[in-house]
């Protein structure tokens, strides 16, 4: 049962790290595109915010799955 807790921790850890990498890449590409074509900055910013919302939704699903593993699959281990 302790493996379930380790798996849930790994899910949360990897989703947090991958989201950080994704936001860094997204911000870097926004800056590159804005520097290349400044007149498109408002359109690029809007699309970047939409992508940031989608990028942020994926780790929340992972956290939900991790909480399911902790509190439903292995209820006797925690608490």
Protein backbone atom coordinates (compact mmCIF):
# COMPACT_ATOMS: atom_id res chain seq x y z
CA UNK A 1 0.00 0.00 0.00
CA UNK A 2 2.90 2.37 0.51
CA UNK A 3 3.60 2.09 -3.21
CA UNK A 4 0.28 3.83 -3.88
CA UNK A 5 1.42 6.81 -1.84
CA UNK A 6 4.76 6.89 -3.67
CA UNK A 7 2.94 6.71 -7.02
CA UNK A 8 0.66 9.58 -6.04
CA UNK A 9 3.64 11.66 -4.93
CA UNK A 10 5.41 10.91 -8.23
CA UNK A 11 2.32 11.97 -10.21
CA UNK A 12 2.13 15.29 -8.37
CA UNK A 13 5.90 15.86 -8.62
CA UNK A 14 6.17 15.14 -12.33
CA UNK A 15 3.10 17.20 -13.16
CA UNK A 16 4.49 20.18 -11.23
CA UNK A 17 7.90 19.94 -12.91
CA UNK A 18 6.44 19.49 -16.39
CA UNK A 19 4.08 22.44 -15.88
CA UNK A 20 7.01 24.62 -14.84
CA UNK A 21 8.93 23.62 -17.95
CA UNK A 22 5.85 24.23 -20.10
CA UNK A 23 5.28 27.72 -18.69
CA UNK A 24 8.96 28.56 -19.20
CA UNK A 25 8.81 27.48 -22.84
CA UNK A 26 5.52 29.30 -23.40
CA UNK A 27 6.85 32.54 -21.90
CA UNK A 28 10.08 32.31 -23.85
CA UNK A 29 8.26 31.82 -27.14
CA UNK A 30 5.95 34.74 -26.33
CA UNK A 31 8.95 37.01 -25.75
CA UNK A 32 10.65 35.82 -28.94
CA UNK A 33 7.52 36.33 -31.02
CA UNK A 34 6.81 39.74 -29.53
CA UNK A 35 10.37 40.88 -30.16
CA UNK A 36 10.15 39.65 -33.74
CA UNK A 37 6.76 41.26 -34.49
CA UNK A 38 5.74 43.85 -31.87
CA UNK A 39 2.53 44.79 -33.69
CA UNK A 40 1.11 41.30 -32.99
CA UNK A 41 1.74 41.51 -29.23
CA UNK A 42 -1.94 41.77 -28.13
CA UNK A 43 -2.97 38.76 -30.25
CA UNK A 44 -0.01 36.73 -29.08
CA UNK A 45 -0.69 37.59 -25.45
CA UNK A 46 -4.33 36.51 -25.72
CA UNK A 47 -3.36 33.19 -27.28
CA UNK A 48 -0.65 32.71 -24.66
CA UNK A 49 -3.16 33.18 -21.83
CA UNK A 50 -5.49 30.62 -23.43
CA UNK A 51 -2.62 28.15 -23.73
CA UNK A 52 -1.57 28.85 -20.13
CA UNK A 53 -5.06 27.95 -18.95
CA UNK A 54 -4.98 24.70 -20.89
CA UNK A 55 -1.47 23.97 -19.65
CA UNK A 56 -2.57 24.53 -16.07
CA UNK A 57 -5.56 22.17 -16.40
CA UNK A 58 -3.47 19.06 -17.04
CA UNK A 59 -1.68 18.99 -13.64
CA UNK A 60 -5.00 19.55 -11.89
CA UNK A 61 -6.25 16.31 -13.46
CA UNK A 62 -3.07 14.61 -12.22
CA UNK A 63 -3.65 15.95 -8.70
CA UNK A 64 -7.22 14.66 -8.83
CA UNK A 65 -6.01 11.20 -9.85
CA UNK A 66 -3.37 11.29 -7.10
CA UNK A 67 -5.99 12.22 -4.49
CA UNK A 68 -8.17 9.37 -5.76
CA UNK A 69 -5.27 6.98 -5.32
CA UNK A 70 -4.55 8.20 -1.81
CA UNK A 71 -8.06 8.42 -0.39
CA UNK A 72 -9.95 5.71 -2.33
CA UNK A 73 -7.44 3.06 -3.38
CA UNK A 74 -5.36 3.14 -0.19
CA UNK A 75 -7.60 4.58 2.53
CA UNK A 76 -5.98 2.71 5.41
CA UNK A 77 -2.49 4.07 4.77
CA UNK A 78 -3.25 7.78 5.18
CA UNK A 79 -4.84 9.20 8.30
